Amino acid sequence: MDAKELYLVSVKENGISETEFSKLGSSEKELLEKRGNGKFYLKQGERAKFRVVLTGGVFDILHIGHLLTLQKASELGDALVVVVSTDERVEKVKGKKPIHEAEYRRAMVAAIRWVDLAVVGAREMMDTFGRVRPDVVVFGYDQKPFELPCKVVHLLEVKADERLAKTSRIIRDLGL
């Protein structure tokens, strides 16, 4: 595995365990360091060699707006990590449960070719942010940006036809 692959594994698993570390080759082990939780992560110098882009959302019913946003986001870096909102967060923010459970939504997003890794967010948003440590955060055209400790990009130019790219409208039109 190269540094980017090791990074993605460590984000997915929230660190590489001692058991998995022992299975790695010596050149791979040299790229990692052990942290306070006893797991291994990519060394900061290695992590700095590529640009990580983070975006997130509900992704309950995938549509062209999601695809355009993910494609544009992937063009801003070397690795695209997508955070899928937890069911609890969706219910809190939108006032209703999502149609699909978080793991289903994560799997659907992970299948999109521009996505290097999709994860379900942590209970606390900043825990997920700390786990991913992105260089760039991309907000979709219909998301409200908020301040984070990195460069933030709001992709207004990605806006698609709302008849085809608005989850709430699709849900209403389907009678769900």
Foldseek 3Di string as FASTA:
>chain_A
DAQVVQQQVCLAVVFAAPVRLVVDDPVVVVQWDADPVRGIHGDPVRVVVWAEEEEEEAQLDDFQLVLLQLVVRLVVIPAYEYEHEAQVVCCVVVVDGRPDGRVVSQVVVCPRPSHPHYYYADPDNVVSCVSNVGQEYEYGLPDDDDDDPHHYHYCVVSDDDCCTPPVVNVCVVVVD
